[in-house]
Amino acid sequence: ESWGEFLYATLRTGEESGGTEYHSKEMQGALARVAQELKLPLPRPGKKSKIVSCYLGQSLPSTLDMISDYEMALLSSQKAEGNQRGLAVWSKLLENANTGGENVHRGALLGAALGAHSGVEALPPHLIRGLAASEEIGQEIDAFVEAVMTRSASATNTKAASVEVTYTGSSSA
């Protein structure tokens, strides 16, 4: 449930900033709640991961660190315009891939959280264009976002309709 709340906060902070200014209190709070609920150390932005090859249970702390580090980089820039967000997402995904080991599951979590926060319009086009079956994936993403937003909104008494997120990627983008 905390992961759903974190994704909801990620989507809300990305949408509310409109791509011009970055505010992280809600997202950092949600990230800390995920770590606490899972009995993990609090995220440490700026720390290099010491975890290379392990399964999700052992590498989730470094995943939370990477998400927090992405956030702090945007916060320090004070102007988190779309292009900066997309480049920060790409940088973190590359960092994860270059870590090696069992990185696919970390990459899936990073891609979901950071992509949701930056918004699809801010992502470098090759991240979407390079996906096989991008339209089908887009439909699955839209369904997932709708489910998370509806559940989280009802759990926090917030209107899900206040945030509209649509995946607009296609293989011809």
N, C-alpha and C. Protein backbone atom coordinates (compact mmCIF):
# COMPACT_ATOMS: atom_id res chain seq x y z
N GLU A 1 0.82 -1.19 0.00
CA GLU A 1 0.00 0.00 0.00
C GLU A 1 0.87 1.26 0.00
N SER A 2 1.99 1.24 0.74
CA SER A 2 2.87 2.40 0.76
C SER A 2 3.46 2.67 -0.62
N TRP A 3 3.76 1.60 -1.36
CA TRP A 3 4.31 1.79 -2.71
C TRP A 3 3.29 2.51 -3.58
N GLY A 4 2.02 2.14 -3.47
CA GLY A 4 0.96 2.82 -4.21
C GLY A 4 0.86 4.28 -3.81
N GLU A 5 0.97 4.56 -2.51
CA GLU A 5 0.93 5.95 -2.04
C GLU A 5 2.14 6.72 -2.57
N PHE A 6 3.30 6.05 -2.62
CA PHE A 6 4.48 6.71 -3.16
C PHE A 6 4.29 7.06 -4.63
N LEU A 7 3.77 6.11 -5.41
CA LEU A 7 3.53 6.39 -6.83
C LEU A 7 2.51 7.51 -6.99
N TYR A 8 1.48 7.52 -6.16
CA TYR A 8 0.48 8.59 -6.21
C TYR A 8 1.14 9.94 -5.93
N ALA A 9 1.98 10.00 -4.89
CA ALA A 9 2.68 11.24 -4.57
C ALA A 9 3.61 11.65 -5.70
N THR A 10 4.24 10.67 -6.32
CA THR A 10 5.13 10.93 -7.45
C THR A 10 4.36 11.58 -8.59
N LEU A 11 3.22 11.01 -8.92
CA LEU A 11 2.40 11.55 -9.99
C LEU A 11 1.89 12.94 -9.64
N ARG A 12 1.46 13.13 -8.41
CA ARG A 12 0.93 14.44 -8.00
C ARG A 12 2.00 15.50 -8.03
N THR A 13 3.20 15.23 -7.49
CA THR A 13 4.22 16.26 -7.45
C THR A 13 4.70 16.59 -8.85
N GLY A 14 4.76 15.61 -9.71
CA GLY A 14 5.15 15.88 -11.10
C GLY A 14 4.11 16.72 -11.81
N GLU A 15 2.84 16.43 -11.61
CA GLU A 15 1.75 17.15 -12.26
C GLU A 15 1.61 18.56 -11.70
N GLU A 16 1.68 18.69 -10.38
CA GLU A 16 1.47 19.99 -9.75
C GLU A 16 2.56 20.99 -10.09
N SER A 17 3.78 20.51 -10.29
CA SER A 17 4.87 21.44 -10.58
C SER A 17 4.78 21.98 -11.99
N GLY A 18 4.03 21.32 -12.86
CA GLY A 18 3.87 21.78 -14.23
C GLY A 18 5.18 21.84 -14.98
N GLY A 19 6.20 21.19 -14.46
CA GLY A 19 7.48 21.14 -15.16
C GLY A 19 8.31 22.40 -15.00
N THR A 20 7.90 23.34 -14.13
CA THR A 20 8.66 24.58 -14.01
C THR A 20 9.38 24.72 -12.68
N GLU A 21 8.85 24.18 -11.63
CA GLU A 21 9.48 24.29 -10.33
C GLU A 21 9.35 22.96 -9.62
N TYR A 22 10.29 22.66 -8.77
CA TYR A 22 10.26 21.34 -8.15
C TYR A 22 10.08 21.46 -6.64
N HIS A 23 9.10 20.75 -6.10
CA HIS A 23 8.84 20.69 -4.67
C HIS A 23 8.81 19.21 -4.29
N SER A 24 9.58 18.82 -3.27
CA SER A 24 9.72 17.39 -3.01
C SER A 24 9.17 16.91 -1.68
N LYS A 25 8.60 17.75 -0.84
CA LYS A 25 8.21 17.32 0.50
C LYS A 25 7.26 16.12 0.47
N GLU A 26 6.23 16.18 -0.36
CA GLU A 26 5.27 15.09 -0.39
C GLU A 26 5.92 13.80 -0.90
N MET A 27 6.73 13.92 -1.95
CA MET A 27 7.36 12.73 -2.51
C MET A 27 8.39 12.15 -1.54
N GLN A 28 9.20 13.00 -0.89
CA GLN A 28 10.19 12.51 0.07
C GLN A 28 9.51 11.83 1.25
N GLY A 29 8.39 12.40 1.71
CA GLY A 29 7.65 11.78 2.81
C GLY A 29 7.13 10.41 2.43
N ALA A 30 6.58 10.30 1.23
CA ALA A 30 6.06 9.01 0.76
C ALA A 30 7.20 8.00 0.61
N LEU A 31 8.33 8.45 0.12
CA LEU A 31 9.50 7.56 -0.05
C LEU A 31 9.98 7.06 1.32
N ALA A 32 10.00 7.94 2.32
CA ALA A 32 10.40 7.55 3.67
C ALA A 32 9.41 6.54 4.26
N ARG A 33 8.10 6.74 4.00
CA ARG A 33 7.10 5.80 4.52
C ARG A 33 7.28 4.41 3.90
N VAL A 34 7.61 4.35 2.61
CA VAL A 34 7.87 3.05 1.97
C VAL A 34 9.02 2.36 2.68
N ALA A 35 10.11 3.09 2.90
CA ALA A 35 11.28 2.50 3.56
C ALA A 35 10.94 2.04 4.97
N GLN A 36 10.24 2.87 5.72
CA GLN A 36 9.90 2.50 7.10
C GLN A 36 8.97 1.30 7.15
N GLU A 37 7.95 1.27 6.30
CA GLU A 37 7.01 0.15 6.31
C GLU A 37 7.70 -1.16 5.97
N LEU A 38 8.67 -1.09 5.06
CA LEU A 38 9.39 -2.29 4.66
C LEU A 38 10.60 -2.56 5.56
N LYS A 39 10.75 -1.75 6.62
CA LYS A 39 11.84 -1.89 7.58
C LYS A 39 13.21 -1.79 6.90
N LEU A 40 13.32 -0.79 6.02
CA LEU A 40 14.56 -0.52 5.30
C LEU A 40 15.15 0.78 5.82
N PRO A 41 16.45 0.99 5.61
CA PRO A 41 17.02 2.27 6.00
C PRO A 41 16.40 3.40 5.17
N LEU A 42 16.35 4.59 5.74
CA LEU A 42 15.84 5.73 4.99
C LEU A 42 16.74 6.00 3.79
N PRO A 43 16.17 6.48 2.69
CA PRO A 43 16.97 6.76 1.49
C PRO A 43 18.10 7.75 1.79
N ARG A 44 19.22 7.55 1.11
CA ARG A 44 20.40 8.40 1.27
C ARG A 44 20.80 8.96 -0.09
N PRO A 45 20.23 10.09 -0.48
CA PRO A 45 20.59 10.64 -1.79
C PRO A 45 22.07 10.98 -1.85
N GLY A 46 22.65 10.77 -3.00
CA GLY A 46 24.05 11.10 -3.20
C GLY A 46 25.02 10.00 -2.81
N LYS A 47 24.54 8.93 -2.21
CA LYS A 47 25.41 7.83 -1.81
C LYS A 47 25.49 6.82 -2.94
N LYS A 48 26.68 6.38 -3.25
CA LYS A 48 26.86 5.33 -4.25
C LYS A 48 26.39 4.01 -3.67
N SER A 49 25.69 3.26 -4.47
CA SER A 49 25.18 1.97 -4.00
C SER A 49 26.32 0.98 -3.83
N LYS A 50 26.28 0.27 -2.72
CA LYS A 50 27.26 -0.79 -2.48
C LYS A 50 26.70 -2.14 -2.89
N ILE A 51 25.45 -2.13 -3.31
CA ILE A 51 24.78 -3.37 -3.69
C ILE A 51 24.91 -3.56 -5.19
N VAL A 52 25.49 -4.67 -5.60
CA VAL A 52 25.67 -4.92 -7.01
C VAL A 52 24.75 -6.03 -7.49
N SER A 53 24.93 -7.21 -7.00
CA SER A 53 24.17 -8.35 -7.51
C SER A 53 23.38 -9.00 -6.39
N CYS A 54 22.07 -8.80 -6.43
CA CYS A 54 21.20 -9.43 -5.45
C CYS A 54 19.76 -9.30 -5.94
N TYR A 55 18.86 -9.91 -5.23
CA TYR A 55 17.46 -9.87 -5.63
C TYR A 55 16.78 -8.65 -5.02
N LEU A 56 15.56 -8.42 -5.44
CA LEU A 56 14.85 -7.19 -5.09
C LEU A 56 14.83 -6.90 -3.59
N GLY A 57 14.58 -7.90 -2.78
CA GLY A 57 14.53 -7.67 -1.34
C GLY A 57 15.78 -7.03 -0.79
N GLN A 58 16.93 -7.42 -1.31
CA GLN A 58 18.20 -6.87 -0.84
C GLN A 58 18.58 -5.58 -1.56
N SER A 59 18.06 -5.36 -2.75
CA SER A 59 18.48 -4.17 -3.50
C SER A 59 17.47 -3.04 -3.43
N LEU A 60 16.33 -3.26 -2.78
CA LEU A 60 15.35 -2.18 -2.68
C LEU A 60 15.91 -0.95 -1.98
N PRO A 61 16.75 -1.09 -0.94
CA PRO A 61 17.32 0.14 -0.35
C PRO A 61 18.09 0.98 -1.37
N SER A 62 18.87 0.35 -2.23
CA SER A 62 19.61 1.14 -3.22
C SER A 62 18.67 1.74 -4.26
N THR A 63 17.55 1.07 -4.53
CA THR A 63 16.55 1.62 -5.45
C THR A 63 15.95 2.88 -4.85
N LEU A 64 15.61 2.83 -3.57
CA LEU A 64 15.07 4.02 -2.91
C LEU A 64 16.11 5.14 -2.87
N ASP A 65 17.39 4.78 -2.67
CA ASP A 65 18.45 5.79 -2.71
C ASP A 65 18.51 6.46 -4.07
N MET A 66 18.41 5.68 -5.15
CA MET A 66 18.47 6.25 -6.50
C MET A 66 17.30 7.19 -6.75
N ILE A 67 16.11 6.81 -6.29
CA ILE A 67 14.94 7.67 -6.46
C ILE A 67 15.14 8.96 -5.68
N SER A 68 15.62 8.85 -4.45
CA SER A 68 15.84 10.02 -3.62
C SER A 68 16.93 10.91 -4.22
N ASP A 69 17.98 10.31 -4.76
CA ASP A 69 19.06 11.07 -5.38
C ASP A 69 18.55 11.85 -6.58
N TYR A 70 17.70 11.22 -7.40
CA TYR A 70 17.07 11.89 -8.55
C TYR A 70 16.31 13.12 -8.06
N GLU A 71 15.56 12.92 -6.99
CA GLU A 71 14.75 13.99 -6.43
C GLU A 71 15.60 15.14 -5.95
N MET A 72 16.66 14.84 -5.23
CA MET A 72 17.51 15.89 -4.68
C MET A 72 18.22 16.66 -5.80
N ALA A 73 18.57 15.99 -6.87
CA ALA A 73 19.19 16.68 -8.01
C ALA A 73 18.22 17.69 -8.61
N LEU A 74 16.96 17.30 -8.72
CA LEU A 74 15.96 18.23 -9.25
C LEU A 74 15.72 19.38 -8.28
N LEU A 75 15.68 19.07 -7.00
CA LEU A 75 15.44 20.09 -5.99
C LEU A 75 16.57 21.12 -5.99
N SER A 76 17.80 20.66 -6.12
CA SER A 76 18.94 21.58 -6.08
C SER A 76 18.98 22.48 -7.31
N SER A 77 18.37 22.05 -8.41
CA SER A 77 18.38 22.88 -9.62
C SER A 77 17.36 24.01 -9.53
N GLN A 78 16.40 23.93 -8.60
CA GLN A 78 15.33 24.90 -8.41
C GLN A 78 14.43 25.08 -9.62
N LYS A 79 14.87 24.74 -10.78
CA LYS A 79 14.04 24.80 -11.98
C LYS A 79 14.10 23.43 -12.61
N ALA A 80 13.05 22.66 -12.40
CA ALA A 80 13.04 21.29 -12.92
C ALA A 80 12.20 21.25 -14.18
N GLU A 81 12.71 21.84 -15.23
CA GLU A 81 11.97 21.84 -16.48
C GLU A 81 11.98 20.45 -17.08
N GLY A 82 11.03 20.22 -18.00
CA GLY A 82 10.84 18.90 -18.59
C GLY A 82 12.10 18.24 -19.06
N ASN A 83 12.94 18.96 -19.80
CA ASN A 83 14.16 18.37 -20.34
C ASN A 83 15.09 17.89 -19.22
N GLN A 84 15.22 18.68 -18.15
CA GLN A 84 16.06 18.28 -17.03
C GLN A 84 15.53 17.01 -16.37
N ARG A 85 14.22 16.94 -16.23
CA ARG A 85 13.62 15.75 -15.63
C ARG A 85 13.91 14.52 -16.48
N GLY A 86 13.69 14.63 -17.77
CA GLY A 86 13.92 13.50 -18.66
C GLY A 86 15.37 13.05 -18.65
N LEU A 87 16.29 14.01 -18.65
CA LEU A 87 17.71 13.66 -18.61
C LEU A 87 18.08 13.03 -17.27
N ALA A 88 17.46 13.50 -16.19
CA ALA A 88 17.72 12.90 -14.88
C ALA A 88 17.21 11.47 -14.82
N VAL A 89 16.05 11.21 -15.44
CA VAL A 89 15.52 9.85 -15.50
C VAL A 89 16.50 8.97 -16.27
N TRP A 90 16.90 9.42 -17.44
CA TRP A 90 17.82 8.66 -18.28
C TRP A 90 19.12 8.38 -17.52
N SER A 91 19.65 9.37 -16.81
CA SER A 91 20.88 9.22 -16.05
C SER A 91 20.74 8.14 -14.97
N LYS A 92 19.63 8.14 -14.25
CA LYS A 92 19.42 7.15 -13.19
C LYS A 92 19.22 5.75 -13.77
N LEU A 93 18.52 5.64 -14.89
CA LEU A 93 18.34 4.33 -15.53
C LEU A 93 19.68 3.79 -16.01
N LEU A 94 20.52 4.67 -16.57
CA LEU A 94 21.87 4.24 -16.98
C LEU A 94 22.71 3.83 -15.78
N GLU A 95 22.63 4.62 -14.71
CA GLU A 95 23.37 4.27 -13.49
C GLU A 95 22.97 2.89 -13.00
N ASN A 96 21.68 2.61 -13.01
CA ASN A 96 21.20 1.29 -12.59
C ASN A 96 21.74 0.20 -13.51
N ALA A 97 21.65 0.41 -14.81
CA ALA A 97 22.13 -0.61 -15.76
C ALA A 97 23.63 -0.84 -15.60
N ASN A 98 24.38 0.22 -15.38
CA ASN A 98 25.82 0.11 -15.24
C ASN A 98 26.24 -0.50 -13.91
N THR A 99 25.33 -0.55 -12.95
CA THR A 99 25.62 -1.20 -11.68
C THR A 99 25.85 -2.68 -11.90
N GLY A 100 25.14 -3.23 -12.88
CA GLY A 100 25.30 -4.64 -13.20
C GLY A 100 24.50 -5.53 -12.29
N GLY A 101 24.80 -6.80 -12.35
CA GLY A 101 24.10 -7.76 -11.51
C GLY A 101 22.63 -7.87 -11.87
N GLU A 102 21.83 -8.17 -10.87
CA GLU A 102 20.39 -8.35 -11.05
C GLU A 102 19.73 -6.97 -11.05
N ASN A 103 19.83 -6.25 -12.18
CA ASN A 103 19.35 -4.87 -12.19
C ASN A 103 18.01 -4.67 -12.88
N VAL A 104 17.44 -5.70 -13.45
CA VAL A 104 16.20 -5.53 -14.22
C VAL A 104 15.04 -5.11 -13.32
N HIS A 105 14.90 -5.76 -12.17
CA HIS A 105 13.79 -5.41 -11.28
C HIS A 105 13.97 -4.01 -10.72
N ARG A 106 15.20 -3.61 -10.40
CA ARG A 106 15.43 -2.23 -9.95
C ARG A 106 15.07 -1.26 -11.07
N GLY A 107 15.45 -1.61 -12.30
CA GLY A 107 15.14 -0.75 -13.43
C GLY A 107 13.65 -0.59 -13.65
N ALA A 108 12.90 -1.66 -13.43
CA ALA A 108 11.44 -1.57 -13.59
C ALA A 108 10.85 -0.61 -12.56
N LEU A 109 11.30 -0.72 -11.31
CA LEU A 109 10.80 0.19 -10.27
C LEU A 109 11.24 1.63 -10.53
N LEU A 110 12.51 1.80 -10.90
CA LEU A 110 13.00 3.14 -11.20
C LEU A 110 12.26 3.75 -12.38
N GLY A 111 12.10 2.97 -13.43
CA GLY A 111 11.40 3.47 -14.62
C GLY A 111 9.98 3.89 -14.31
N ALA A 112 9.29 3.09 -13.51
CA ALA A 112 7.90 3.42 -13.15
C ALA A 112 7.84 4.69 -12.31
N ALA A 113 8.65 4.76 -11.27
CA ALA A 113 8.58 5.91 -10.37
C ALA A 113 9.10 7.19 -11.02
N LEU A 114 10.28 7.12 -11.64
CA LEU A 114 10.86 8.33 -12.22
C LEU A 114 10.12 8.77 -13.48
N GLY A 115 9.69 7.80 -14.28
CA GLY A 115 8.91 8.14 -15.47
C GLY A 115 7.59 8.78 -15.10
N ALA A 116 6.94 8.26 -14.05
CA ALA A 116 5.68 8.84 -13.60
C ALA A 116 5.89 10.25 -13.10
N HIS A 117 6.99 10.48 -12.41
CA HIS A 117 7.24 11.82 -11.88
C HIS A 117 7.58 12.81 -12.98
N SER A 118 8.42 12.42 -13.90
CA SER A 118 8.85 13.36 -14.94
C SER A 118 7.75 13.64 -15.95
N GLY A 119 6.89 12.65 -16.16
CA GLY A 119 5.86 12.77 -17.19
C GLY A 119 6.42 12.29 -18.51
N VAL A 120 5.61 11.62 -19.28
CA VAL A 120 6.07 11.02 -20.53
C VAL A 120 6.59 12.08 -21.50
N GLU A 121 6.00 13.27 -21.46
CA GLU A 121 6.43 14.31 -22.40
C GLU A 121 7.86 14.79 -22.14
N ALA A 122 8.38 14.57 -20.93
CA ALA A 122 9.74 15.01 -20.61
C ALA A 122 10.79 13.95 -20.93
N LEU A 123 10.36 12.72 -21.14
CA LEU A 123 11.32 11.64 -21.39
C LEU A 123 11.98 11.79 -22.75
N PRO A 124 13.25 11.43 -22.85
CA PRO A 124 13.89 11.42 -24.16
C PRO A 124 13.09 10.50 -25.10
N PRO A 125 12.78 10.94 -26.32
CA PRO A 125 11.93 10.16 -27.22
C PRO A 125 12.40 8.73 -27.46
N HIS A 126 13.72 8.49 -27.45
CA HIS A 126 14.21 7.14 -27.72
C HIS A 126 13.81 6.14 -26.63
N LEU A 127 13.48 6.63 -25.43
CA LEU A 127 13.04 5.71 -24.38
C LEU A 127 11.69 5.09 -24.72
N ILE A 128 10.87 5.80 -25.45
CA ILE A 128 9.56 5.28 -25.85
C ILE A 128 9.64 4.65 -27.23
N ARG A 129 10.28 5.35 -28.14
CA ARG A 129 10.39 4.87 -29.51
C ARG A 129 11.06 3.50 -29.58
N GLY A 130 11.98 3.26 -28.69
CA GLY A 130 12.72 2.00 -28.70
C GLY A 130 11.98 0.81 -28.13
N LEU A 131 10.82 1.02 -27.56
CA LEU A 131 10.06 -0.09 -26.98
C LEU A 131 9.32 -0.88 -28.05
N ALA A 132 9.47 -2.18 -28.01
CA ALA A 132 8.63 -3.03 -28.85
C ALA A 132 7.23 -3.00 -28.24
N ALA A 133 6.21 -2.96 -29.06
CA ALA A 133 4.81 -2.96 -28.60
C ALA A 133 4.52 -1.77 -27.69
N SER A 134 5.04 -0.59 -28.03
CA SER A 134 4.88 0.57 -27.15
C SER A 134 3.42 0.97 -26.96
N GLU A 135 2.58 0.78 -27.97
CA GLU A 135 1.17 1.13 -27.80
C GLU A 135 0.50 0.22 -26.77
N GLU A 136 0.77 -1.07 -26.84
CA GLU A 136 0.21 -2.01 -25.86
C GLU A 136 0.74 -1.71 -24.46
N ILE A 137 2.01 -1.42 -24.38
CA ILE A 137 2.60 -1.06 -23.09
C ILE A 137 1.94 0.21 -22.57
N GLY A 138 1.71 1.17 -23.45
CA GLY A 138 1.04 2.41 -23.06
C GLY A 138 -0.34 2.17 -22.48
N GLN A 139 -1.08 1.25 -23.08
CA GLN A 139 -2.42 0.93 -22.56
C GLN A 139 -2.32 0.31 -21.16
N GLU A 140 -1.33 -0.55 -20.97
CA GLU A 140 -1.13 -1.16 -19.65
C GLU A 140 -0.73 -0.10 -18.61
N ILE A 141 0.12 0.82 -19.02
CA ILE A 141 0.54 1.89 -18.11
C ILE A 141 -0.67 2.74 -17.72
N ASP A 142 -1.48 3.12 -18.71
CA ASP A 142 -2.67 3.92 -18.42
C ASP A 142 -3.60 3.21 -17.45
N ALA A 143 -3.80 1.91 -17.64
CA ALA A 143 -4.67 1.14 -16.74
C ALA A 143 -4.08 1.07 -15.33
N PHE A 144 -2.76 0.89 -15.24
CA PHE A 144 -2.10 0.84 -13.94
C PHE A 144 -2.22 2.18 -13.21
N VAL A 145 -1.93 3.26 -13.93
CA VAL A 145 -2.02 4.60 -13.32
C VAL A 145 -3.43 4.86 -12.82
N GLU A 146 -4.42 4.52 -13.63
CA GLU A 146 -5.82 4.71 -13.23
C GLU A 146 -6.11 3.93 -11.94
N ALA A 147 -5.64 2.69 -11.86
CA ALA A 147 -5.89 1.87 -10.67
C ALA A 147 -5.20 2.46 -9.43
N VAL A 148 -3.94 2.88 -9.58
CA VAL A 148 -3.20 3.45 -8.46
C VAL A 148 -3.83 4.76 -8.01
N MET A 149 -4.16 5.62 -8.97
CA MET A 149 -4.72 6.92 -8.63
C MET A 149 -6.08 6.78 -7.97
N THR A 150 -6.90 5.88 -8.45
CA THR A 150 -8.23 5.68 -7.88
C THR A 150 -8.13 5.14 -6.47
N ARG A 151 -7.30 4.12 -6.28
CA ARG A 151 -7.16 3.51 -4.95
C ARG A 151 -6.53 4.48 -3.96
N SER A 152 -5.46 5.15 -4.36
CA SER A 152 -4.79 6.08 -3.46
C SER A 152 -5.67 7.28 -3.15
N ALA A 153 -6.40 7.75 -4.14
CA ALA A 153 -7.28 8.90 -3.92
C ALA A 153 -8.37 8.56 -2.93
N SER A 154 -8.94 7.39 -3.04
CA SER A 154 -10.00 7.02 -2.10
C SER A 154 -9.42 6.77 -0.71
N ALA A 155 -8.18 6.28 -0.64
CA ALA A 155 -7.54 6.02 0.65
C ALA A 155 -7.16 7.32 1.36
N THR A 156 -6.86 8.36 0.60
CA THR A 156 -6.43 9.63 1.19
C THR A 156 -7.48 10.71 1.06
N ASN A 157 -8.69 10.34 0.65
CA ASN A 157 -9.79 11.28 0.47
C ASN A 157 -9.42 12.42 -0.47
N THR A 158 -8.68 12.11 -1.52
CA THR A 158 -8.30 13.08 -2.53
C THR A 158 -8.98 12.69 -3.83
N LYS A 159 -9.36 13.67 -4.61
CA LYS A 159 -10.02 13.37 -5.88
C LYS A 159 -9.01 12.88 -6.90
N ALA A 160 -9.23 11.69 -7.43
CA ALA A 160 -8.35 11.15 -8.47
C ALA A 160 -8.46 11.97 -9.73
N ALA A 161 -9.60 12.58 -9.95
CA ALA A 161 -9.80 13.35 -11.17
C ALA A 161 -8.93 14.60 -11.22
N SER A 162 -8.34 14.99 -10.08
CA SER A 162 -7.52 16.19 -10.07
C SER A 162 -6.18 15.99 -10.76
N VAL A 163 -5.82 14.76 -11.02
CA VAL A 163 -4.57 14.47 -11.71
C VAL A 163 -4.88 13.61 -12.92
N GLU A 164 -4.53 14.10 -14.07
CA GLU A 164 -4.77 13.33 -15.29
C GLU A 164 -3.43 12.96 -15.90
N VAL A 165 -3.17 11.68 -16.03
CA VAL A 165 -1.92 11.20 -16.58
C VAL A 165 -2.24 10.29 -17.74
N THR A 166 -1.68 10.56 -18.88
CA THR A 166 -1.93 9.72 -20.04
C THR A 166 -0.61 9.44 -20.73
N TYR A 167 -0.37 8.20 -20.99
CA TYR A 167 0.81 7.77 -21.75
C TYR A 167 0.51 8.05 -23.21
N THR A 168 1.33 8.84 -23.85
CA THR A 168 1.06 9.20 -25.23
C THR A 168 2.11 8.66 -26.19
N GLY A 169 2.95 7.79 -25.70
CA GLY A 169 4.00 7.25 -26.55
C GLY A 169 3.46 6.32 -27.61
N SER A 170 4.15 6.26 -28.72
CA SER A 170 3.80 5.29 -29.75
C SER A 170 5.07 4.92 -30.47
N SER A 171 5.03 3.82 -31.17
CA SER A 171 6.23 3.35 -31.85
C SER A 171 6.64 4.29 -32.97
N SER A 172 5.76 5.20 -33.37
CA SER A 172 6.11 6.13 -34.44
C SER A 172 6.57 7.46 -33.90
N ALA A 173 6.69 7.60 -32.55
CA ALA A 173 7.08 8.88 -31.94
C ALA A 173 8.50 9.25 -32.30
